[in-house]
Amino acid sequence: MVNLDTTTDIAPTDPVDQQPTIGLIGMGAMGAMYAKHLSDAGWKKISVCDLPAKYESLKAAYEGVPGVTVYPDGHAVSRISDFIMYSVEAEHIGRVVAQYGPSTKVGSIVSGQTSVKAPEKEAFEAHLPADVHIVSLHSLHGPTVSPVGQPLVLIKHRAPDAALRFVENIFRCFRSRYVYLTYEDHDLVTANVQAVTHAAFLTMGTAWASSLSYPWEHGHYVGGIETVKVNIMLRIYSNKWHVYAGLAILNPSARVQIRQYARSAGELFKLMLEGQEGALRARVYAARRTVFGYGEGDADGLEGGEDEAKPKPRTPIFLTEDVLDQFTIGGPPKAATGSTTPPPCNSHLALLAMVDCWARLSIQPFDHLSLAATPVFRLWIGVAEYLFRARSRLDAALRAALYDTRHRADDLEFVVGARGWSQCVEFGSFELYRRRFEETSGFFESRFEEANRIGGAMIRAVVESGAGAGAGA
């Protein structure tokens, strides 16, 4: 039993007999990331397990890894661990906790690393003994991103303050930024910063795959904003489908937002088709004012006299072409070629719909940016701000949307794709989600290695350049 009165100041430098046993149930990508960082930090008693069928392969994988001991199943881990983390898909958390929860050591602290907390909360309350504590968590980044400086959500649900301090000390080695939320607030925030953002990139990929085109190869999607779109789209599709499915399907707030995003894309596209320039401009500029606080007449000559809007009193992200043009897919970066040719105009329907969606749902994305933003969300809101803060850029996008028919086919595929993803989430079908994801993923698979390398470098460059300052980077 954990004596919280004497062990809240634990550290990996403590003698082995004074260290807690840390249990990890589920050794997928995130479980493996946690095991690695805990081992590297010097924790000596890390007990891990996965499915019983993976016992032998897991033992081989962790042979010789300092501090890590592999066990056959969750019963063995639960009986001996002072802190237990379930790192399993939200879709399966109820079944796994029902199976191993009753074996939980008396007085231990139990946590979950699921991306959606509603089913996790239900599972813990239903299947954990009353004599254990619940302090849950969620690292708001993927397994290939360093946890340093990234938000780590902590949820003190059924536990004294001392149990929270105990968990804080275990994960201090991650050097993450602690964010304290309830289960309910977590799901609302992650819907805002993750689910609808992922839906935008998933839709881009589906639209381009349906057109049977690599968007960066026909000259319409190169440079600047397109760099972020293409790299992050490929980065998302190179991951496993279930990373995103549970977050969208099991989170009621996510379902509402994804539905509105599809509706925003469709309604804006209809205005484009009808040539309703006044109505389209009024709607987009109203969203600009609601989300970014920019009045139509605001201008202060930022970026060498460019027609820029005055931002709200906050630290803007301010992505620049100089940063984004360091990176591209399928050829040398624009910055390396010395080209001064501006990228071709684009309707940027994905971004127009995103800001319209935020405005329609009264979401203030910058509030979430400072609270619990993911690297992908930082880039996404960064390019949205980049497009919307300059009237010249935004007006160019509106002209392209209304009068440049080169983008009309791709915009149509985007609207169809957005509605398809929304319906998939509404139906609550994991199988349909998997099929849609894997079909698109297969089309882009040959580019994943390059995209992950360039996408990782792009995230680092944006943060190091100061572009992530407003995101708590």
Protein backbone atom coordinates (compact mmCIF):
# COMPACT_ATOMS: atom_id res chain seq x y z
CA MET A 1 0.00 0.00 0.00
CA VAL A 2 1.30 3.46 -0.90
CA ASN A 3 2.00 5.62 2.15
CA LEU A 4 1.23 9.02 0.66
CA ASP A 5 2.42 10.79 3.81
CA THR A 6 6.00 9.66 3.21
CA THR A 7 6.34 9.07 -0.53
CA THR A 8 5.03 12.25 -2.19
CA ASP A 9 8.57 13.53 -2.70
CA ILE A 10 9.79 10.43 -4.52
CA ALA A 11 12.41 10.74 -7.24
CA PRO A 12 14.22 8.32 -9.58
CA THR A 13 17.43 9.04 -7.65
CA ASP A 14 15.99 7.42 -4.53
CA PRO A 15 17.28 3.98 -3.47
CA VAL A 16 15.54 1.14 -5.25
CA ASP A 17 13.78 -0.11 -2.13
CA GLN A 18 12.21 3.34 -1.68
CA GLN A 19 10.97 3.71 -5.24
CA PRO A 20 7.35 2.89 -6.16
CA THR A 21 6.49 0.17 -8.60
CA ILE A 22 5.14 1.81 -11.75
CA GLY A 23 2.78 -0.37 -13.78
CA LEU A 24 1.97 0.12 -17.46
CA ILE A 25 -0.90 -1.93 -18.90
CA GLY A 26 -0.84 -1.67 -22.68
CA MET A 27 2.43 -1.31 -24.58
CA GLY A 28 1.39 0.27 -27.86
CA ALA A 29 3.15 3.36 -29.14
CA MET A 30 2.22 5.58 -26.18
CA GLY A 31 2.85 2.89 -23.56
CA ALA A 32 6.27 2.28 -25.10
CA MET A 33 6.98 6.02 -25.04
CA TYR A 34 6.14 6.18 -21.35
CA ALA A 35 8.30 3.16 -20.57
CA LYS A 36 11.24 4.66 -22.45
CA HIS A 37 11.16 8.03 -20.70
CA LEU A 38 10.62 6.50 -17.26
CA SER A 39 13.53 4.10 -17.81
CA ASP A 40 15.78 6.84 -19.18
CA ALA A 41 15.00 8.96 -16.11
CA GLY A 42 16.25 6.22 -13.81
CA TRP A 43 13.09 4.70 -12.36
CA LYS A 44 14.07 1.17 -11.36
CA LYS A 45 10.75 -0.67 -10.86
CA ILE A 46 8.67 -0.41 -14.04
CA SER A 47 6.30 -3.35 -14.58
CA VAL A 48 4.73 -3.62 -18.04
CA CYS A 49 2.40 -5.92 -19.95
CA ASP A 50 0.34 -6.17 -23.09
CA LEU A 51 -1.93 -8.86 -24.47
CA PRO A 52 -0.91 -12.29 -23.14
CA ALA A 53 -0.16 -13.40 -26.72
CA LYS A 54 2.52 -10.69 -26.92
CA TYR A 55 4.30 -11.71 -23.73
CA GLU A 56 7.28 -13.45 -25.31
CA SER A 57 7.87 -10.79 -27.98
CA LEU A 58 7.56 -8.03 -25.37
CA LYS A 59 10.07 -9.81 -23.12
CA ALA A 60 12.52 -9.97 -26.02
CA ALA A 61 11.99 -6.31 -26.86
CA TYR A 62 12.73 -5.16 -23.29
CA GLU A 63 15.54 -7.54 -22.47
CA GLY A 64 18.29 -5.48 -20.92
CA VAL A 65 16.26 -2.24 -20.74
CA PRO A 66 17.07 -0.72 -17.32
CA GLY A 67 14.28 -0.84 -14.78
CA VAL A 68 11.69 -2.57 -16.99
CA THR A 69 10.22 -5.98 -16.15
CA VAL A 70 7.68 -7.62 -18.46
CA TYR A 71 4.75 -9.57 -16.98
CA PRO A 72 2.28 -11.96 -18.66
CA ASP A 73 -0.86 -9.91 -18.09
CA GLY A 74 -2.56 -7.05 -16.26
CA HIS A 75 -3.35 -9.15 -13.18
CA ALA A 76 0.35 -9.55 -12.42
CA VAL A 77 1.02 -5.84 -12.97
CA SER A 78 -2.02 -4.66 -10.97
CA ARG A 79 -1.19 -6.77 -7.89
CA ILE A 80 2.30 -5.32 -7.38
CA SER A 81 2.15 -1.73 -8.69
CA ASP A 82 1.81 1.41 -6.58
CA PHE A 83 0.92 3.43 -9.67
CA ILE A 84 -0.91 1.82 -12.60
CA MET A 85 -1.52 3.40 -16.00
CA TYR A 86 -3.90 1.89 -18.54
CA SER A 87 -2.67 2.80 -22.01
CA VAL A 88 -5.30 1.15 -24.18
CA GLU A 89 -7.69 2.39 -26.84
CA ALA A 90 -10.75 4.22 -25.53
CA GLU A 91 -12.90 1.72 -27.44
CA HIS A 92 -11.56 -1.12 -25.26
CA ILE A 93 -10.94 0.59 -21.90
CA GLY A 94 -14.15 -0.72 -20.31
CA ARG A 95 -13.39 -4.35 -21.13
CA VAL A 96 -9.73 -4.15 -20.03
CA VAL A 97 -10.45 -2.42 -16.71
CA ALA A 98 -13.26 -4.87 -16.01
CA GLN A 99 -10.76 -7.69 -16.52
CA TYR A 100 -7.80 -6.38 -14.51
CA GLY A 101 -9.29 -3.71 -12.22
CA PRO A 102 -10.34 -6.10 -9.44
CA SER A 103 -6.68 -7.17 -9.03
CA THR A 104 -5.54 -3.60 -8.24
CA LYS A 105 -3.26 -3.33 -5.22
CA VAL A 106 -4.87 -1.79 -2.14
CA GLY A 107 -4.08 1.92 -1.79
CA SER A 108 -2.50 2.26 -5.22
CA ILE A 109 -3.10 5.09 -7.69
CA VAL A 110 -4.73 4.26 -11.03
CA SER A 111 -4.56 6.34 -14.17
CA GLY A 112 -5.56 6.15 -17.82
CA GLN A 113 -3.85 7.47 -20.94
CA THR A 114 -6.91 7.38 -23.18
CA SER A 115 -7.63 10.32 -25.47
CA VAL A 116 -11.33 10.36 -24.51
CA LYS A 117 -12.08 10.36 -20.81
CA ALA A 118 -15.83 9.70 -20.67
CA PRO A 119 -15.53 5.91 -21.19
CA GLU A 120 -12.40 5.82 -19.00
CA LYS A 121 -14.20 7.51 -16.10
CA GLU A 122 -17.12 5.11 -16.46
CA ALA A 123 -14.80 2.09 -16.49
CA PHE A 124 -12.79 3.20 -13.46
CA GLU A 125 -15.86 4.00 -11.37
CA ALA A 126 -17.50 0.70 -12.29
CA HIS A 127 -14.60 -1.73 -11.94
CA LEU A 128 -11.89 -0.35 -9.62
CA PRO A 129 -12.02 -1.23 -5.92
CA ALA A 130 -13.13 1.56 -3.60
CA ASP A 131 -9.81 1.44 -1.71
CA VAL A 132 -7.69 2.75 -4.61
CA HIS A 133 -7.17 6.32 -5.86
CA ILE A 134 -7.87 7.69 -9.34
CA VAL A 135 -5.56 10.35 -10.80
CA SER A 136 -5.77 10.20 -14.57
CA LEU A 137 -3.58 11.78 -17.23
CA HIS A 138 -3.16 12.41 -20.95
CA SER A 139 -0.09 13.53 -22.87
CA LEU A 140 -1.42 15.83 -25.61
CA HIS A 141 1.07 14.78 -28.26
CA GLY A 142 1.96 11.74 -30.32
CA PRO A 143 4.51 9.08 -29.41
CA THR A 144 7.20 10.47 -31.75
CA VAL A 145 7.08 13.99 -30.25
CA SER A 146 9.32 14.82 -27.29
CA PRO A 147 7.24 15.40 -24.12
CA VAL A 148 9.48 18.30 -23.08
CA GLY A 149 7.35 21.44 -22.81
CA GLN A 150 4.22 19.68 -24.10
CA PRO A 151 0.95 19.72 -22.11
CA LEU A 152 0.36 16.76 -19.79
CA VAL A 153 -3.20 16.78 -18.45
CA LEU A 154 -3.67 15.62 -14.85
CA ILE A 155 -7.15 14.78 -13.54
CA LYS A 156 -7.56 14.34 -9.77
CA HIS A 157 -10.84 12.46 -9.72
CA ARG A 158 -11.03 10.25 -6.65
CA ALA A 159 -7.92 10.97 -4.63
CA PRO A 160 -6.41 13.24 -1.98
CA ASP A 161 -4.01 16.04 -2.91
CA ALA A 162 -1.09 13.86 -1.82
CA ALA A 163 -1.92 11.33 -4.54
CA LEU A 164 -1.78 14.09 -7.17
CA ARG A 165 1.64 15.18 -5.89
CA PHE A 166 2.77 11.56 -6.06
CA VAL A 167 1.85 11.39 -9.78
CA GLU A 168 3.42 14.79 -10.44
CA ASN A 169 6.72 13.55 -9.05
CA ILE A 170 6.69 10.35 -11.10
CA PHE A 171 6.31 12.28 -14.36
CA ARG A 172 8.45 15.30 -13.52
CA CYS A 173 11.17 13.60 -15.58
CA PHE A 174 9.05 14.21 -18.72
CA ARG A 175 9.56 17.97 -18.26
CA SER A 176 6.05 18.44 -19.59
CA ARG A 177 3.74 21.31 -18.67
CA TYR A 178 1.06 20.14 -16.24
CA VAL A 179 -2.52 21.13 -17.06
CA TYR A 180 -5.17 20.43 -14.41
CA LEU A 181 -8.65 19.56 -15.67
CA THR A 182 -11.72 17.51 -14.82
CA TYR A 183 -12.76 14.54 -16.96
CA GLU A 184 -15.51 16.63 -18.55
CA ASP A 185 -13.33 19.66 -19.26
CA HIS A 186 -10.68 17.38 -20.75
CA ASP A 187 -13.09 16.01 -23.34
CA LEU A 188 -14.33 19.48 -24.27
CA VAL A 189 -10.80 20.87 -24.66
CA THR A 190 -9.48 17.89 -26.61
CA ALA A 191 -12.47 18.08 -28.95
CA ASN A 192 -11.54 21.71 -29.59
CA VAL A 193 -7.81 21.20 -30.12
CA GLN A 194 -7.69 17.70 -31.59
CA ALA A 195 -10.85 16.12 -33.00
CA VAL A 196 -12.02 18.81 -35.42
CA THR A 197 -8.41 19.63 -36.36
CA HIS A 198 -7.80 16.00 -37.25
CA ALA A 199 -11.07 15.96 -39.21
CA ALA A 200 -9.80 18.81 -41.39
CA PHE A 201 -6.59 16.98 -42.29
CA LEU A 202 -8.35 13.64 -42.72
CA THR A 203 -10.73 15.35 -45.15
CA MET A 204 -7.85 16.89 -47.12
CA GLY A 205 -6.27 13.48 -47.54
CA THR A 206 -9.53 11.84 -48.58
CA ALA A 207 -10.22 14.61 -51.10
CA TRP A 208 -6.77 14.38 -52.69
CA ALA A 209 -6.83 10.58 -52.73
CA SER A 210 -10.28 10.66 -54.37
CA SER A 211 -8.79 12.93 -57.05
CA LEU A 212 -5.93 10.44 -57.45
CA SER A 213 -3.39 13.23 -57.10
CA TYR A 214 -0.43 14.09 -54.95
CA PRO A 215 -1.36 17.74 -54.37
CA TRP A 216 2.18 19.08 -54.32
CA GLU A 217 3.02 17.69 -57.78
CA HIS A 218 0.66 19.67 -60.02
CA GLY A 219 1.66 23.14 -58.84
CA HIS A 220 -1.51 24.20 -57.02
CA TYR A 221 -0.41 23.29 -53.49
CA VAL A 222 3.15 24.44 -52.91
CA GLY A 223 4.76 26.84 -50.46
CA GLY A 224 3.56 28.66 -47.36
CA ILE A 225 0.25 27.44 -45.99
CA GLU A 226 0.31 24.43 -48.32
CA THR A 227 3.51 23.24 -46.63
CA VAL A 228 1.63 22.78 -43.36
CA LYS A 229 -1.43 21.23 -44.99
CA VAL A 230 0.48 18.57 -46.89
CA ASN A 231 3.05 17.69 -44.23
CA ILE A 232 0.57 17.40 -41.37
CA MET A 233 -1.95 15.50 -43.52
CA LEU A 234 0.71 12.93 -44.37
CA ARG A 235 1.94 12.81 -40.77
CA ILE A 236 -1.57 12.00 -39.52
CA TYR A 237 -2.21 9.30 -42.12
CA SER A 238 1.12 7.67 -41.28
CA ASN A 239 -0.20 6.91 -37.78
CA LYS A 240 -2.67 4.20 -36.78
CA TRP A 241 -6.36 4.82 -37.42
CA HIS A 242 -7.41 4.09 -33.85
CA VAL A 243 -5.34 7.04 -32.60
CA TYR A 244 -8.04 9.32 -34.04
CA ALA A 245 -11.15 7.14 -34.14
CA GLY A 246 -11.88 6.99 -30.42
CA LEU A 247 -11.23 10.69 -30.00
CA ALA A 248 -13.86 11.50 -32.62
CA ILE A 249 -16.47 8.79 -32.10
CA LEU A 250 -16.54 8.48 -28.29
CA ASN A 251 -16.37 12.21 -27.47
CA PRO A 252 -19.82 13.87 -27.67
CA SER A 253 -18.24 17.34 -27.99
CA ALA A 254 -16.14 16.15 -30.93
CA ARG A 255 -19.21 14.87 -32.75
CA VAL A 256 -20.85 18.30 -32.54
CA GLN A 257 -17.76 20.08 -33.82
CA ILE A 258 -17.08 17.69 -36.70
CA ARG A 259 -20.71 18.01 -37.77
CA GLN A 260 -20.43 21.81 -37.79
CA TYR A 261 -17.15 21.70 -39.69
CA ALA A 262 -18.77 19.68 -42.48
CA ARG A 263 -21.74 22.05 -42.48
CA SER A 264 -19.46 25.11 -42.66
CA ALA A 265 -17.54 23.63 -45.59
CA GLY A 266 -20.75 22.84 -47.47
CA GLU A 267 -22.40 26.20 -46.88
CA LEU A 268 -19.31 28.18 -47.87
CA PHE A 269 -18.91 26.05 -51.00
CA LYS A 270 -22.51 26.76 -52.02
CA LEU A 271 -21.83 30.49 -51.76
CA MET A 272 -18.77 30.00 -53.97
CA LEU A 273 -20.76 28.08 -56.58
CA GLU A 274 -23.51 30.68 -56.62
CA GLY A 275 -21.02 33.52 -57.00
CA GLN A 276 -22.42 35.19 -53.89
CA GLU A 277 -19.38 37.41 -53.32
CA GLY A 278 -21.06 39.77 -50.85
CA ALA A 279 -22.56 37.00 -48.74
CA LEU A 280 -19.34 34.96 -48.76
CA ARG A 281 -17.21 37.94 -47.80
CA ALA A 282 -19.63 38.99 -45.05
CA ARG A 283 -19.66 35.51 -43.52
CA VAL A 284 -15.88 35.03 -43.65
CA TYR A 285 -15.14 38.48 -42.25
CA ALA A 286 -17.70 37.97 -39.47
CA ALA A 287 -15.87 34.77 -38.50
CA ARG A 288 -12.57 36.67 -38.68
CA ARG A 289 -13.88 39.24 -36.24
CA THR A 290 -15.36 36.63 -33.86
CA VAL A 291 -12.32 34.36 -33.70
CA PHE A 292 -9.40 36.75 -34.08
CA GLY A 293 -10.91 40.07 -33.02
CA TYR A 294 -9.95 41.80 -36.26
CA GLY A 295 -12.18 44.61 -37.48
CA GLU A 296 -12.36 44.98 -41.26
CA GLY A 297 -10.65 48.37 -41.14
CA ASP A 298 -7.80 47.30 -38.85
CA ALA A 299 -4.33 47.68 -40.32
CA ASP A 300 -0.98 48.53 -38.81
CA GLY A 301 1.54 47.79 -41.52
CA LEU A 302 3.09 44.63 -40.14
CA GLU A 303 5.48 42.62 -42.30
CA GLY A 304 6.99 45.47 -44.28
CA GLY A 305 3.85 47.49 -44.82
CA GLU A 306 1.57 44.60 -45.73
CA ASP A 307 -2.08 45.20 -45.01
CA GLU A 308 -2.29 43.43 -41.65
CA ALA A 309 -4.94 43.41 -38.95
CA LYS A 310 -4.33 44.40 -35.36
CA PRO A 311 -4.41 41.29 -33.20
CA LYS A 312 -6.10 40.92 -29.86
CA PRO A 313 -3.90 41.68 -26.82
CA ARG A 314 -2.22 38.25 -26.85
CA THR A 315 0.96 36.80 -28.25
CA PRO A 316 0.21 35.91 -31.88
CA ILE A 317 1.74 32.90 -33.58
CA PHE A 318 2.71 34.81 -36.74
CA LEU A 319 3.98 32.08 -39.01
CA THR A 320 5.97 33.48 -41.92
CA GLU A 321 6.83 32.33 -45.42
CA ASP A 322 10.51 32.36 -44.41
CA VAL A 323 9.83 29.65 -41.82
CA LEU A 324 7.39 27.56 -43.84
CA ASP A 325 9.35 27.64 -47.10
CA GLN A 326 12.26 25.78 -45.48
CA PHE A 327 10.23 22.62 -46.01
CA THR A 328 8.51 20.89 -48.90
CA ILE A 329 7.65 17.41 -50.15
CA GLY A 330 8.99 15.81 -53.29
CA GLY A 331 11.69 18.36 -54.15
CA PRO A 332 14.10 20.95 -52.79
CA PRO A 333 12.71 23.52 -50.35
CA LYS A 334 11.68 26.79 -51.92
CA ALA A 335 14.10 28.60 -49.61
CA ALA A 336 16.97 26.55 -51.03
CA THR A 337 16.15 27.43 -54.63
CA GLY A 338 16.08 31.17 -54.07
CA SER A 339 12.70 31.41 -55.81
CA THR A 340 10.76 34.61 -55.18
CA THR A 341 7.65 33.52 -57.08
CA PRO A 342 4.63 33.62 -54.75
CA PRO A 343 2.55 30.44 -54.44
CA PRO A 344 -0.56 30.31 -56.64
CA CYS A 345 -3.79 31.56 -55.11
CA ASN A 346 -5.96 29.01 -53.38
CA SER A 347 -9.49 29.11 -52.01
CA HIS A 348 -8.24 27.62 -48.71
CA LEU A 349 -11.69 26.14 -48.10
CA ALA A 350 -10.33 23.96 -45.30
CA LEU A 351 -9.19 27.03 -43.36
CA LEU A 352 -12.23 29.16 -44.17
CA ALA A 353 -14.45 26.34 -42.90
CA MET A 354 -12.34 25.91 -39.78
CA VAL A 355 -12.60 29.53 -38.70
CA ASP A 356 -16.29 29.60 -39.62
CA CYS A 357 -16.81 26.46 -37.51
CA TRP A 358 -15.09 28.05 -34.51
CA ALA A 359 -17.19 31.18 -34.90
CA ARG A 360 -20.49 29.28 -35.26
CA LEU A 361 -19.77 27.27 -32.10
CA SER A 362 -18.40 30.28 -30.15
CA ILE A 363 -15.05 28.51 -29.72
CA GLN A 364 -12.09 30.70 -28.85
CA PRO A 365 -9.16 28.59 -30.06
CA PHE A 366 -6.51 30.83 -28.51
CA ASP A 367 -7.92 30.05 -25.06
CA HIS A 368 -7.22 26.38 -25.69
CA LEU A 369 -3.89 27.20 -27.33
CA SER A 370 -2.51 28.52 -24.05
CA LEU A 371 -4.11 25.71 -22.06
CA ALA A 372 -3.54 22.39 -23.79
CA ALA A 373 -2.51 22.75 -27.42
CA THR A 374 -0.99 19.90 -29.41
CA PRO A 375 1.82 20.55 -31.91
CA VAL A 376 -0.58 19.96 -34.82
CA PHE A 377 -3.13 22.40 -33.37
CA ARG A 378 -0.44 25.04 -32.92
CA LEU A 379 0.46 24.82 -36.58
CA TRP A 380 -3.18 24.70 -37.68
CA ILE A 381 -4.25 27.79 -35.77
CA GLY A 382 -0.98 29.40 -36.85
CA VAL A 383 -1.76 29.06 -40.55
CA ALA A 384 -5.38 30.10 -39.92
CA GLU A 385 -4.13 33.27 -38.28
CA TYR A 386 -1.59 33.75 -41.06
CA LEU A 387 -4.36 33.67 -43.67
CA PHE A 388 -6.94 35.72 -41.78
CA ARG A 389 -4.82 38.47 -40.27
CA ALA A 390 -3.88 39.97 -43.67
CA ARG A 391 -6.83 41.28 -45.68
CA SER A 392 -4.77 40.98 -48.85
CA ARG A 393 -4.25 37.23 -48.32
CA LEU A 394 -7.82 36.62 -47.24
CA ASP A 395 -9.28 38.58 -50.16
CA ALA A 396 -7.04 36.65 -52.57
CA ALA A 397 -8.43 33.39 -51.16
CA LEU A 398 -11.99 34.64 -51.59
CA ARG A 399 -11.32 35.68 -55.20
CA ALA A 400 -9.84 32.25 -55.91
CA ALA A 401 -12.83 30.59 -54.27
CA LEU A 402 -15.29 32.54 -56.41
CA TYR A 403 -13.54 32.89 -59.75
CA ASP A 404 -10.61 30.45 -60.09
CA THR A 405 -12.17 27.21 -61.30
CA ARG A 406 -8.86 25.32 -61.08
CA HIS A 407 -9.67 24.60 -57.43
CA ARG A 408 -13.35 23.86 -57.88
CA ALA A 409 -12.95 20.08 -58.32
CA ASP A 410 -10.71 19.77 -55.24
CA ASP A 411 -13.10 21.92 -53.20
CA LEU A 412 -15.98 19.68 -54.25
CA GLU A 413 -14.06 16.58 -53.16
CA PHE A 414 -13.28 18.34 -49.88
CA VAL A 415 -16.94 19.05 -49.14
CA VAL A 416 -17.89 15.45 -49.96
CA GLY A 417 -15.04 14.18 -47.82
CA ALA A 418 -15.95 16.40 -44.85
CA ARG A 419 -19.55 15.19 -44.96
CA GLY A 420 -18.38 11.58 -45.21
CA TRP A 421 -16.16 11.86 -42.13
CA SER A 422 -18.95 13.59 -40.21
CA GLN A 423 -21.43 10.83 -41.10
CA CYS A 424 -18.87 8.20 -40.13
CA VAL A 425 -18.55 9.77 -36.68
CA GLU A 426 -22.33 10.22 -36.34
CA PHE A 427 -22.87 6.52 -37.13
CA GLY A 428 -20.36 5.63 -34.40
CA SER A 429 -18.80 3.00 -36.62
CA PHE A 430 -15.19 2.14 -35.85
CA GLU A 431 -15.12 -0.26 -38.79
CA LEU A 432 -16.26 2.41 -41.25
CA TYR A 433 -13.72 4.83 -39.76
CA ARG A 434 -10.95 2.27 -40.14
CA ARG A 435 -11.86 1.53 -43.77
CA ARG A 436 -12.00 5.21 -44.75
CA PHE A 437 -8.70 5.90 -42.99
CA GLU A 438 -6.80 2.92 -44.35
CA GLU A 439 -7.97 3.40 -47.93
CA THR A 440 -6.65 6.97 -47.93
CA SER A 441 -3.54 6.01 -46.00
CA GLY A 442 -2.68 3.38 -48.61
CA PHE A 443 -2.73 6.00 -51.37
CA PHE A 444 -0.11 8.16 -49.62
CA GLU A 445 1.94 5.38 -48.00
CA SER A 446 4.98 5.79 -50.25
CA ARG A 447 5.49 9.33 -48.93
CA PHE A 448 5.21 8.67 -45.18
CA GLU A 449 8.90 8.37 -44.36
CA GLU A 450 9.70 11.66 -46.02
CA ALA A 451 6.66 13.36 -44.49
CA ASN A 452 7.46 12.27 -40.93
CA ARG A 453 11.03 13.47 -41.26
CA ILE A 454 10.07 16.82 -42.77
CA GLY A 455 7.01 17.24 -40.56
CA GLY A 456 9.05 16.71 -37.39
CA ALA A 457 11.65 19.20 -38.56
CA MET A 458 8.92 21.69 -39.43
CA ILE A 459 7.35 21.48 -35.96
CA ARG A 460 10.75 22.04 -34.33
CA ALA A 461 11.57 24.97 -36.63
CA VAL A 462 8.24 26.68 -35.98
CA VAL A 463 8.65 26.37 -32.22
CA GLU A 464 12.31 27.39 -32.22
CA SER A 465 11.60 30.41 -34.43
CA GLY A 466 9.25 31.74 -31.79
CA ALA A 467 6.15 30.88 -33.78
CA GLY A 468 4.92 28.72 -30.89
CA ALA A 469 5.27 31.45 -28.29
CA GLY A 470 1.57 31.98 -28.11
CA ALA A 471 1.01 28.27 -27.68
CA GLY A 472 2.91 27.77 -24.50
CA ALA A 473 5.72 26.09 -26.37
